[in-house]
Amino acid sequence: MIYFCLKNHEYLNDVQTGIQIFYPNRHYCKCDEVQEKGITIVSTLKSGSCAAEIFEDGVKTGEADEKFDADDKKAEKRSVKSSIYCLLSRKTAFYPKWGTITGVRPAKAAGELMSSGLSEEEAVKYFMENYFTDEKKARLAVTVSRAEEGVLSKNSDEYVSLYVGIPFCPTRCLYCSFTSYPLDRYSKMVDTYLDRLTKEIEYTAKLAEGRKFMSVYVGGGTPTSLNENQLEKLLECISENIDLKNTLEFTVEAGRPDTITEEKLRIMKKYGVERISINPQTMNQKTLDLIGRRHSVEDIKRVYEAARKIGFKDINMDLILGLPEETPEDVENTMREIEKLSPDSMTVHTLAVKRASRLKEQFDSYVMTKAEAMEKMINISAQYAEKMQLSPYYMYRQKNMVGNFENVGYCRKGCEGIYNIEIMEEKQTILAAGAGATTKVYNREKNMLTRAFNVKSVEEYISRFDEMLERKAEAMKYE
């Protein structure tokens, strides 16, 4: 347990997330006074400065103080985070590469700096001086921001995008915290769910009447956990309600190789799917077995080659670095195998130990990757991406990431994942259908986002279906 006290301010989230960088995967408890046992961190805001102190078993063992312009509220908040960072980096001798940045979208912050008139070099310097960011990470944020500009420049009120959620999977992976339901328990609900989902897609298309869909993304869960007839029903509904001739990208996250058949690939091709994602996560069989994947490395290769043979020219592959028991040598093996396949894009995730995952529940049972090893893994993946002529084009971060690193999407020129950029940058209305899906309505004039959440439970989505439609219609009033 890590305790923390706030004095003269209420920046609770900034203090807690700052602590989590240095003491990940613990329990965190706000308290009013220093505790006699364990670690307590005290954050005290004064006029023009913020102090951070650490107490161990009631005894102060470190402190830091950061000054700021008392009239600048943004600087005040920054000093709260900076004081925690300076205190704990000295205490732990750990200097995280992203410094004080805990937000999801560092590239968005870089873009805002450059939009305000800063050059690329000035934006890099700002990251380093104000957020204590490592130079390589600051340059990555700037590089990704520039790569996104080509897609974001196409945004206008004429365009929206569509997300369709299939919340079913063959099994639940060890690290997974997404809204997903094992098929063996929910198989009798799939057809009823699809009946509702297709109605929601029809309704959503009517809400967007007169608009063009820039991208359509079918995600999950695992969309290809649907059988052939169910998948065809879904894609037929999309093609009948969305004018795909005006769509710049149509993606299906095919996901797990054990759910992909040649017939499903042909069905996707038949209905205009251009981009698919085949997600091995690792090319090491021992790790696949450990994390609960019911497929082999050879299955990954077989499905990939089948997709190429059927004519898919835009294939993404997702990988996860820092999976339990893996070493940099294991990652090197994965990257060698991925290089042989030569995908058009590759998303490299660093493991996030999420609260709702089985991994979180069984955390002490596994050997987890340390920050130093994770940095080596990230460097290996970046080197192979460069060898494959894949450049970084989008990026995001999550809480509880091992080593406080990032997820990066790499691609060949012209193969940028449009939906990935739009969902990260939040500069376009994205209508979403399905259990656990979130509609994001963007008002360009006010630069404001309004969210409409669908319930996560499949049972509730079915029983409260009309409510989901009403929520979406209400949100669209704010566009």
Protein backbone atom coordinates (compact mmCIF):
# COMPACT_ATOMS: atom_id res chain seq x y z
CA MET A 1 0.00 0.00 0.00
CA ILE A 2 1.24 3.50 -0.89
CA TYR A 3 -0.38 6.33 1.06
CA PHE A 4 -0.49 9.96 -0.06
CA CYS A 5 -1.67 13.23 1.47
CA LEU A 6 -2.72 16.41 -0.34
CA LYS A 7 -2.31 19.75 1.43
CA ASN A 8 -3.82 22.98 0.07
CA HIS A 9 -4.78 21.45 -3.28
CA GLU A 10 -6.96 18.76 -4.91
CA TYR A 11 -4.73 17.50 -7.74
CA LEU A 12 -5.43 13.94 -6.63
CA ASN A 13 -5.14 12.26 -10.03
CA ASP A 14 -1.86 14.03 -10.86
CA VAL A 15 -0.29 12.97 -7.56
CA GLN A 16 -1.50 9.37 -7.76
CA THR A 17 -0.48 8.84 -11.39
CA GLY A 18 2.91 10.42 -10.63
CA ILE A 19 3.43 7.96 -7.78
CA GLN A 20 2.34 5.03 -9.98
CA ILE A 21 5.23 5.68 -12.36
CA PHE A 22 7.70 4.82 -9.60
CA TYR A 23 5.64 2.33 -7.59
CA PRO A 24 3.53 0.48 -10.20
CA ASN A 25 0.87 -2.13 -9.54
CA ARG A 26 0.37 -1.26 -5.87
CA HIS A 27 -2.70 -0.15 -3.97
CA TYR A 28 -2.89 3.63 -3.47
CA CYS A 29 -4.78 5.30 -0.63
CA LYS A 30 -5.43 9.00 0.01
CA CYS A 31 -5.11 9.86 3.71
CA ASP A 32 -5.08 12.95 5.93
CA GLU A 33 -1.84 12.36 7.80
CA VAL A 34 1.47 10.52 7.63
CA GLN A 35 1.06 6.81 8.39
CA GLU A 36 3.13 5.05 11.04
CA LYS A 37 3.77 2.06 8.76
CA GLY A 38 4.68 1.89 5.08
CA ILE A 39 5.31 4.68 2.59
CA THR A 40 3.48 8.01 2.75
CA ILE A 41 3.99 10.79 0.20
CA VAL A 42 2.88 14.30 1.08
CA SER A 43 2.23 16.95 -1.59
CA THR A 44 1.92 20.52 -0.23
CA LEU A 45 0.98 23.52 -2.40
CA LYS A 46 2.24 26.93 -1.28
CA SER A 47 2.19 30.34 -2.93
CA GLY A 48 4.57 30.01 -5.85
CA SER A 49 5.93 26.57 -4.95
CA CYS A 50 4.97 22.95 -4.35
CA ALA A 51 6.76 20.63 -1.92
CA ALA A 52 6.80 16.83 -2.00
CA GLU A 53 8.00 14.69 0.91
CA ILE A 54 8.34 10.95 1.41
CA PHE A 55 7.99 9.22 4.78
CA GLU A 56 8.92 5.60 5.52
CA ASP A 57 7.37 4.16 8.69
CA GLY A 58 6.61 7.72 9.78
CA VAL A 59 10.16 9.04 9.23
CA LYS A 60 10.88 11.60 6.49
CA THR A 61 13.50 10.24 4.09
CA GLY A 62 13.36 12.71 1.21
CA GLU A 63 11.93 15.98 -0.08
CA ALA A 64 11.76 18.16 -3.20
CA ASP A 65 10.47 21.67 -3.89
CA GLU A 66 9.43 23.15 -7.24
CA LYS A 67 8.81 26.89 -7.80
CA PHE A 68 6.34 28.38 -10.32
CA ASP A 69 4.60 31.60 -11.31
CA ALA A 70 1.81 31.96 -8.71
CA ASP A 71 -0.54 33.50 -11.31
CA ASP A 72 -0.20 30.59 -13.77
CA LYS A 73 -2.67 27.75 -13.01
CA LYS A 74 -1.11 25.44 -15.60
CA ALA A 75 2.31 26.00 -14.06
CA GLU A 76 0.81 25.28 -10.64
CA LYS A 77 -0.45 21.89 -11.77
CA ARG A 78 2.86 21.18 -13.52
CA SER A 79 4.77 21.93 -10.33
CA VAL A 80 2.68 19.40 -8.38
CA LYS A 81 3.71 16.70 -10.86
CA SER A 82 7.30 17.94 -11.13
CA SER A 83 7.84 17.91 -7.36
CA ILE A 84 6.61 14.29 -7.15
CA TYR A 85 8.85 13.36 -10.07
CA CYS A 86 11.97 15.01 -8.61
CA LEU A 87 11.35 13.47 -5.19
CA LEU A 88 10.77 9.92 -6.37
CA SER A 89 13.38 9.83 -9.16
CA ARG A 90 16.02 10.74 -6.58
CA LYS A 91 14.62 8.26 -4.10
CA THR A 92 14.38 5.32 -6.50
CA ALA A 93 17.21 6.24 -8.91
CA PHE A 94 14.68 5.58 -11.71
CA TYR A 95 14.41 8.32 -14.34
CA PRO A 96 11.44 7.43 -16.59
CA LYS A 97 11.92 8.30 -20.24
CA TRP A 98 8.61 10.16 -20.45
CA GLY A 99 9.36 12.23 -17.35
CA THR A 100 6.17 13.60 -15.80
CA ILE A 101 3.98 12.82 -18.83
CA THR A 102 1.24 10.41 -17.79
CA GLY A 103 -1.33 11.32 -20.44
CA VAL A 104 -2.54 9.03 -23.20
CA ARG A 105 -1.60 11.27 -26.15
CA PRO A 106 1.89 12.81 -26.04
CA ALA A 107 1.83 13.35 -29.83
CA LYS A 108 -1.30 15.46 -29.41
CA ALA A 109 0.56 17.65 -26.91
CA ALA A 110 3.44 17.99 -29.39
CA GLY A 111 1.01 18.97 -32.14
CA GLU A 112 -0.56 21.64 -29.95
CA LEU A 113 2.87 23.12 -29.19
CA MET A 114 3.75 23.30 -32.88
CA SER A 115 0.31 24.73 -33.74
CA SER A 116 1.02 27.52 -31.25
CA GLY A 117 4.08 28.50 -33.29
CA LEU A 118 6.92 26.41 -31.89
CA SER A 119 9.31 24.73 -34.31
CA GLU A 120 10.01 21.01 -34.05
CA GLU A 121 13.25 21.68 -32.18
CA GLU A 122 11.50 24.11 -29.82
CA ALA A 123 8.78 21.54 -29.11
CA VAL A 124 11.45 18.92 -28.30
CA LYS A 125 13.16 21.39 -25.97
CA TYR A 126 9.83 22.23 -24.28
CA PHE A 127 9.16 18.54 -23.58
CA MET A 128 12.63 18.08 -22.11
CA GLU A 129 12.61 21.21 -19.94
CA ASN A 130 9.00 21.20 -18.72
CA TYR A 131 8.20 17.47 -18.58
CA PHE A 132 11.73 16.05 -17.97
CA THR A 133 11.23 13.92 -21.08
CA ASP A 134 14.16 12.01 -22.60
CA GLU A 135 15.23 13.56 -25.92
CA LYS A 136 14.45 10.40 -27.94
CA LYS A 137 10.89 10.26 -26.56
CA ALA A 138 10.36 13.97 -27.19
CA ARG A 139 11.48 13.50 -30.80
CA LEU A 140 9.20 10.47 -31.15
CA ALA A 141 6.21 12.59 -30.04
CA VAL A 142 7.11 15.27 -32.60
CA THR A 143 7.72 12.70 -35.38
CA VAL A 144 4.35 11.02 -34.78
CA SER A 145 2.56 14.37 -34.65
CA ARG A 146 4.00 15.31 -38.05
CA ALA A 147 3.05 11.88 -39.49
CA GLU A 148 -0.54 12.33 -38.35
CA GLU A 149 -0.93 15.65 -40.13
CA GLY A 150 -1.57 14.05 -43.53
CA VAL A 151 -4.64 12.23 -42.22
CA LEU A 152 -5.90 15.01 -39.93
CA SER A 153 -5.69 17.54 -42.78
CA LYS A 154 -8.53 15.66 -44.52
CA ASN A 155 -10.92 16.24 -41.59
CA SER A 156 -14.00 18.32 -42.21
CA ASP A 157 -17.64 18.37 -41.13
CA GLU A 158 -18.33 16.27 -44.22
CA TYR A 159 -16.65 13.22 -42.64
CA VAL A 160 -17.41 10.95 -39.70
CA SER A 161 -16.10 7.45 -38.88
CA LEU A 162 -17.74 4.26 -37.59
CA TYR A 163 -16.59 1.77 -34.95
CA VAL A 164 -18.37 -1.58 -34.64
CA GLY A 165 -17.67 -3.69 -31.55
CA ILE A 166 -17.76 -7.51 -31.39
CA PRO A 167 -17.17 -8.31 -27.70
CA PHE A 168 -16.60 -12.06 -28.07
CA CYS A 169 -13.36 -14.06 -27.93
CA PRO A 170 -12.54 -17.78 -28.03
CA THR A 171 -10.80 -17.42 -24.65
CA ARG A 172 -9.68 -14.52 -22.50
CA CYS A 173 -5.94 -13.84 -22.68
CA LEU A 174 -3.98 -13.46 -19.46
CA TYR A 175 -3.32 -9.72 -19.92
CA CYS A 176 -6.71 -8.72 -21.37
CA SER A 177 -9.00 -6.18 -19.69
CA PHE A 178 -11.16 -5.29 -22.70
CA THR A 179 -14.88 -5.86 -22.86
CA SER A 180 -14.79 -9.45 -24.12
CA TYR A 181 -16.86 -12.56 -23.42
CA PRO A 182 -15.74 -16.17 -23.96
CA LEU A 183 -17.71 -17.79 -26.76
CA ASP A 184 -18.21 -21.08 -24.97
CA ARG A 185 -20.34 -19.28 -22.36
CA TYR A 186 -22.05 -16.72 -24.61
CA SER A 187 -22.56 -18.66 -27.86
CA LYS A 188 -26.37 -18.67 -27.46
CA MET A 189 -26.41 -14.86 -27.24
CA VAL A 190 -24.37 -14.10 -30.35
CA ASP A 191 -27.25 -14.18 -32.85
CA THR A 192 -29.46 -12.01 -30.63
CA TYR A 193 -26.55 -9.61 -30.13
CA LEU A 194 -26.02 -9.39 -33.89
CA ASP A 195 -29.72 -8.67 -34.45
CA ARG A 196 -29.43 -5.66 -32.13
CA LEU A 197 -26.06 -4.61 -33.51
CA THR A 198 -27.22 -4.54 -37.13
CA LYS A 199 -30.22 -2.43 -36.07
CA GLU A 200 -27.86 -0.03 -34.30
CA ILE A 201 -25.69 0.22 -37.43
CA GLU A 202 -28.79 1.01 -39.51
CA TYR A 203 -29.85 3.66 -36.97
CA THR A 204 -26.35 5.13 -36.81
CA ALA A 205 -26.16 5.42 -40.60
CA LYS A 206 -29.44 7.39 -40.58
CA LEU A 207 -28.08 9.74 -37.89
CA ALA A 208 -25.16 10.47 -40.21
CA GLU A 209 -27.26 10.80 -43.36
CA GLY A 210 -25.65 13.12 -45.89
CA ARG A 211 -22.19 12.58 -44.43
CA LYS A 212 -19.29 10.46 -45.69
CA PHE A 213 -17.62 7.80 -43.55
CA MET A 214 -13.87 8.34 -43.65
CA SER A 215 -13.15 5.01 -41.93
CA VAL A 216 -15.00 1.93 -40.73
CA TYR A 217 -13.33 -0.17 -38.04
CA VAL A 218 -14.66 -3.51 -36.78
CA GLY A 219 -12.94 -4.35 -33.51
CA GLY A 220 -13.45 -6.28 -30.32
CA GLY A 221 -13.00 -8.71 -28.69
CA THR A 222 -12.27 -10.76 -31.75
CA PRO A 223 -14.60 -10.06 -34.71
CA THR A 224 -13.51 -13.26 -36.48
CA SER A 225 -14.75 -15.30 -33.50
CA LEU A 226 -18.10 -15.00 -35.35
CA ASN A 227 -18.81 -17.95 -37.63
CA GLU A 228 -18.92 -17.46 -41.41
CA ASN A 229 -22.68 -16.83 -41.58
CA GLN A 230 -22.60 -14.37 -38.68
CA LEU A 231 -19.62 -12.49 -40.12
CA GLU A 232 -21.32 -12.23 -43.50
CA LYS A 233 -24.50 -10.92 -41.89
CA LEU A 234 -22.52 -8.19 -40.13
CA LEU A 235 -20.48 -7.12 -43.16
CA GLU A 236 -23.53 -7.22 -45.42
CA CYS A 237 -25.31 -4.86 -43.02
CA ILE A 238 -22.35 -2.46 -43.06
CA SER A 239 -22.10 -2.50 -46.87
CA GLU A 240 -25.86 -1.91 -47.27
CA ASN A 241 -25.92 1.07 -44.89
CA ILE A 242 -22.54 2.73 -45.43
CA ASP A 243 -21.44 4.10 -48.81
CA LEU A 244 -18.08 2.32 -48.91
CA LYS A 245 -17.16 3.97 -52.23
CA ASN A 246 -16.48 7.16 -50.26
CA THR A 247 -14.70 5.38 -47.40
CA LEU A 248 -10.93 5.81 -47.25
CA GLU A 249 -10.38 2.79 -44.99
CA PHE A 250 -12.36 -0.34 -44.03
CA THR A 251 -10.62 -2.40 -41.34
CA VAL A 252 -11.52 -5.65 -39.61
CA GLU A 253 -9.42 -6.61 -36.63
CA ALA A 254 -9.14 -10.27 -37.53
CA GLY A 255 -7.03 -10.72 -34.43
CA ARG A 256 -6.39 -14.26 -33.29
CA PRO A 257 -5.20 -16.71 -35.95
CA ASP A 258 -7.21 -19.56 -34.40
CA THR A 259 -10.42 -17.72 -35.41
CA ILE A 260 -9.45 -16.97 -39.03
CA THR A 261 -10.40 -19.27 -41.88
CA GLU A 262 -9.88 -18.83 -45.60
CA GLU A 263 -13.66 -18.58 -46.02
CA LYS A 264 -13.82 -15.70 -43.53
CA LEU A 265 -10.99 -13.96 -45.39
CA ARG A 266 -12.93 -14.36 -48.67
CA ILE A 267 -16.09 -12.99 -47.04
CA MET A 268 -14.19 -9.93 -45.81
CA LYS A 269 -12.73 -9.38 -49.26
CA LYS A 270 -16.19 -9.78 -50.85
CA TYR A 271 -17.64 -6.93 -48.74
CA GLY A 272 -14.84 -4.46 -49.37
CA VAL A 273 -12.60 -4.89 -46.33
CA GLU A 274 -9.21 -3.48 -47.33
CA ARG A 275 -7.21 -3.62 -44.13
CA ILE A 276 -6.99 -6.46 -41.63
CA SER A 277 -5.03 -6.97 -38.45
CA ILE A 278 -3.55 -10.39 -37.65
CA ASN A 279 -2.27 -10.22 -34.09
CA PRO A 280 0.32 -12.76 -32.95
CA GLN A 281 1.42 -10.68 -29.88
CA THR A 282 4.56 -12.86 -29.83
CA MET A 283 6.21 -15.43 -32.10
CA ASN A 284 7.42 -17.55 -29.17
CA GLN A 285 5.32 -20.67 -28.61
CA LYS A 286 6.06 -20.96 -24.90
CA THR A 287 4.67 -17.45 -24.36
CA LEU A 288 1.57 -18.11 -26.48
CA ASP A 289 0.84 -21.11 -24.29
CA LEU A 290 1.43 -19.14 -21.09
CA ILE A 291 -0.89 -16.24 -21.98
CA GLY A 292 -3.76 -18.51 -23.05
CA ARG A 293 -3.56 -18.36 -26.83
CA ARG A 294 -4.87 -21.50 -28.50
CA HIS A 295 -2.80 -21.28 -31.65
CA SER A 296 0.74 -21.95 -32.77
CA VAL A 297 3.40 -19.80 -34.38
CA GLU A 298 2.86 -21.86 -37.55
CA ASP A 299 -0.85 -20.94 -37.47
CA ILE A 300 0.12 -17.27 -37.55
CA LYS A 301 2.29 -17.79 -40.62
CA ARG A 302 -0.32 -19.94 -42.36
CA VAL A 303 -3.12 -17.40 -41.86
CA TYR A 304 -0.90 -14.51 -42.93
CA GLU A 305 0.08 -16.25 -46.17
CA ALA A 306 -3.57 -17.15 -46.85
CA ALA A 307 -4.57 -13.47 -46.46
CA ARG A 308 -1.88 -12.43 -48.94
CA LYS A 309 -2.96 -15.13 -51.40
CA ILE A 310 -6.60 -13.97 -51.22
CA GLY A 311 -5.46 -10.45 -52.05
CA PHE A 312 -5.10 -8.40 -48.86
CA LYS A 313 -2.48 -5.75 -49.52
CA ASP A 314 -2.74 -3.91 -46.20
CA ILE A 315 -2.05 -6.19 -43.23
CA ASN A 316 -1.22 -5.01 -39.72
CA MET A 317 0.30 -7.18 -36.99
CA ASP A 318 0.05 -6.39 -33.25
CA LEU A 319 2.83 -7.32 -30.84
CA ILE A 320 3.17 -6.98 -27.06
CA LEU A 321 6.53 -6.38 -25.40
CA GLY A 322 7.05 -7.37 -21.77
CA LEU A 323 4.82 -10.42 -21.71
CA PRO A 324 5.43 -12.60 -18.63
CA GLU A 325 8.70 -14.58 -18.72
CA GLU A 326 9.88 -13.00 -22.02
CA THR A 327 13.40 -11.65 -22.48
CA PRO A 328 14.96 -9.27 -25.04
CA GLU A 329 16.20 -12.39 -26.84
CA ASP A 330 12.60 -13.60 -27.17
CA VAL A 331 11.62 -10.23 -28.64
CA GLU A 332 14.54 -10.46 -31.09
CA ASN A 333 13.18 -13.82 -32.24
CA THR A 334 9.68 -12.38 -32.64
CA MET A 335 10.98 -9.48 -34.71
CA ARG A 336 13.04 -11.77 -36.98
CA GLU A 337 9.90 -13.78 -37.73
CA ILE A 338 7.79 -10.67 -38.33
CA GLU A 339 10.47 -9.30 -40.68
CA LYS A 340 10.18 -12.47 -42.79
CA LEU A 341 6.41 -11.94 -43.12
CA SER A 342 6.85 -8.22 -43.96
CA PRO A 343 3.51 -6.71 -42.84
CA ASP A 344 2.44 -3.30 -44.12
CA SER A 345 2.05 -1.96 -40.58
CA MET A 346 2.93 -3.11 -37.11
CA THR A 347 1.66 -1.94 -33.72
CA VAL A 348 4.10 -2.49 -30.87
CA HIS A 349 2.47 -2.43 -27.43
CA THR A 350 4.26 -2.42 -24.11
CA LEU A 351 2.43 -4.53 -21.56
CA ALA A 352 0.00 -2.68 -19.30
CA VAL A 353 -1.06 -4.61 -16.20
CA LYS A 354 -4.73 -3.65 -16.08
CA ARG A 355 -6.90 -3.98 -13.00
CA ALA A 356 -9.52 -6.13 -14.72
CA SER A 357 -7.02 -8.65 -16.17
CA ARG A 358 -6.23 -12.14 -14.89
CA LEU A 359 -2.58 -11.07 -14.89
CA LYS A 360 -3.34 -8.42 -12.26
CA GLU A 361 -5.11 -11.01 -10.12
CA GLN A 362 -2.19 -13.46 -10.42
CA PHE A 363 0.61 -10.88 -10.62
CA ASP A 364 2.92 -12.52 -8.09
CA SER A 365 2.89 -15.81 -10.02
CA TYR A 366 4.90 -14.45 -12.97
CA VAL A 367 8.34 -13.05 -13.67
CA MET A 368 7.65 -9.58 -15.05
CA THR A 369 9.85 -7.43 -17.28
CA LYS A 370 11.91 -4.70 -15.60
CA ALA A 371 12.21 -1.19 -17.07
CA GLU A 372 15.78 -1.74 -18.28
CA ALA A 373 14.85 -4.91 -20.17
CA MET A 374 11.73 -3.21 -21.58
CA GLU A 375 13.86 -0.40 -22.97
CA LYS A 376 16.02 -2.98 -24.75
CA MET A 377 12.89 -4.64 -26.17
CA ILE A 378 11.57 -1.30 -27.44
CA ASN A 379 14.89 -0.51 -29.08
CA ILE A 380 14.94 -3.94 -30.76
CA SER A 381 11.42 -3.44 -32.16
CA ALA A 382 12.26 0.08 -33.38
CA GLN A 383 15.42 -1.17 -35.13
CA TYR A 384 13.50 -3.90 -36.92
CA ALA A 385 10.73 -1.45 -37.88
CA GLU A 386 13.38 0.72 -39.53
CA LYS A 387 14.85 -2.31 -41.33
CA MET A 388 11.36 -3.10 -42.66
CA GLN A 389 10.96 0.55 -43.77
CA LEU A 390 8.11 1.09 -41.30
CA SER A 391 7.92 4.58 -39.77
CA PRO A 392 6.09 5.63 -36.56
CA TYR A 393 2.71 7.17 -37.38
CA TYR A 394 0.64 6.95 -34.19
CA MET A 395 1.23 6.46 -30.51
CA TYR A 396 -0.62 6.22 -27.22
CA ARG A 397 0.12 5.47 -23.59
CA GLN A 398 -1.75 3.71 -20.78
CA LYS A 399 -1.66 3.57 -17.02
CA ASN A 400 0.34 0.76 -15.40
CA MET A 401 2.56 0.25 -18.46
CA VAL A 402 5.71 -1.66 -17.60
CA GLY A 403 8.51 0.94 -17.37
CA ASN A 404 6.06 3.78 -18.16
CA PHE A 405 6.75 3.45 -21.90
CA GLU A 406 4.42 3.70 -24.93
CA ASN A 407 2.57 1.89 -27.70
CA VAL A 408 3.69 2.82 -31.23
CA GLY A 409 2.16 2.12 -34.62
CA TYR A 410 4.62 1.78 -37.51
CA CYS A 411 3.70 1.61 -41.20
CA ARG A 412 4.87 1.82 -44.79
CA LYS A 413 4.18 5.18 -46.40
CA GLY A 414 0.53 5.31 -47.42
CA CYS A 415 -0.54 2.53 -45.02
CA GLU A 416 -1.33 4.73 -42.02
CA GLY A 417 -4.27 3.42 -40.01
CA ILE A 418 -6.74 6.28 -40.40
CA TYR A 419 -9.06 5.12 -37.60
CA ASN A 420 -6.09 4.74 -35.22
CA ILE A 421 -5.07 8.36 -35.75
CA GLU A 422 -8.60 9.73 -35.50
CA ILE A 423 -9.47 7.88 -32.29
CA MET A 424 -6.24 9.12 -30.68
CA GLU A 425 -6.40 12.75 -31.77
CA GLU A 426 -10.16 13.21 -31.18
CA LYS A 427 -10.70 15.70 -34.01
CA GLN A 428 -13.52 13.85 -35.76
CA THR A 429 -16.93 12.46 -34.83
CA ILE A 430 -16.66 8.68 -34.41
CA LEU A 431 -19.99 6.91 -34.15
CA ALA A 432 -19.79 3.59 -32.32
CA ALA A 433 -22.10 0.58 -32.22
CA GLY A 434 -22.04 -2.45 -29.95
CA ALA A 435 -21.63 -3.38 -26.29
CA GLY A 436 -18.94 -1.30 -24.59
CA ALA A 437 -18.57 1.03 -27.60
CA THR A 438 -18.20 4.78 -27.06
CA THR A 439 -19.50 7.35 -29.53
CA LYS A 440 -17.37 10.52 -29.60
CA VAL A 441 -19.13 13.55 -31.09
CA TYR A 442 -16.74 16.34 -32.08
CA ASN A 443 -17.81 19.98 -32.33
CA ARG A 444 -15.22 21.60 -34.57
CA GLU A 445 -16.30 25.18 -33.84
CA LYS A 446 -15.96 24.75 -30.05
CA ASN A 447 -13.19 22.11 -30.21
CA MET A 448 -15.34 20.07 -27.82
CA LEU A 449 -15.98 16.33 -27.50
CA THR A 450 -19.22 14.77 -26.23
CA ARG A 451 -19.25 11.05 -25.38
CA ALA A 452 -22.13 8.58 -25.41
CA PHE A 453 -21.34 5.25 -23.75
CA ASN A 454 -22.96 1.94 -24.59
CA VAL A 455 -23.25 -0.45 -21.65
CA LYS A 456 -20.49 -3.09 -21.50
CA SER A 457 -22.63 -6.08 -20.59
CA VAL A 458 -23.95 -8.06 -23.57
CA GLU A 459 -27.10 -8.92 -21.61
CA GLU A 460 -27.75 -5.26 -20.75
CA TYR A 461 -26.96 -4.12 -24.28
CA ILE A 462 -29.69 -6.45 -25.53
CA SER A 463 -32.24 -5.54 -22.85
CA ARG A 464 -31.54 -1.78 -22.84
CA PHE A 465 -31.05 -1.42 -26.60
CA ASP A 466 -33.44 1.51 -27.13
CA GLU A 467 -31.59 3.44 -24.45
CA MET A 468 -28.34 3.04 -26.40
CA LEU A 469 -29.95 4.59 -29.48
CA GLU A 470 -31.33 7.49 -27.44
CA ARG A 471 -27.92 8.20 -25.91
CA LYS A 472 -26.33 8.39 -29.35
CA ALA A 473 -29.04 10.65 -30.77
CA GLU A 474 -28.74 12.99 -27.76
CA ALA A 475 -24.96 13.23 -28.15
CA MET A 476 -25.28 14.12 -31.84
CA LYS A 477 -27.11 17.32 -30.85
CA TYR A 478 -23.80 18.70 -29.58
CA GLU A 479 -21.96 18.33 -32.88
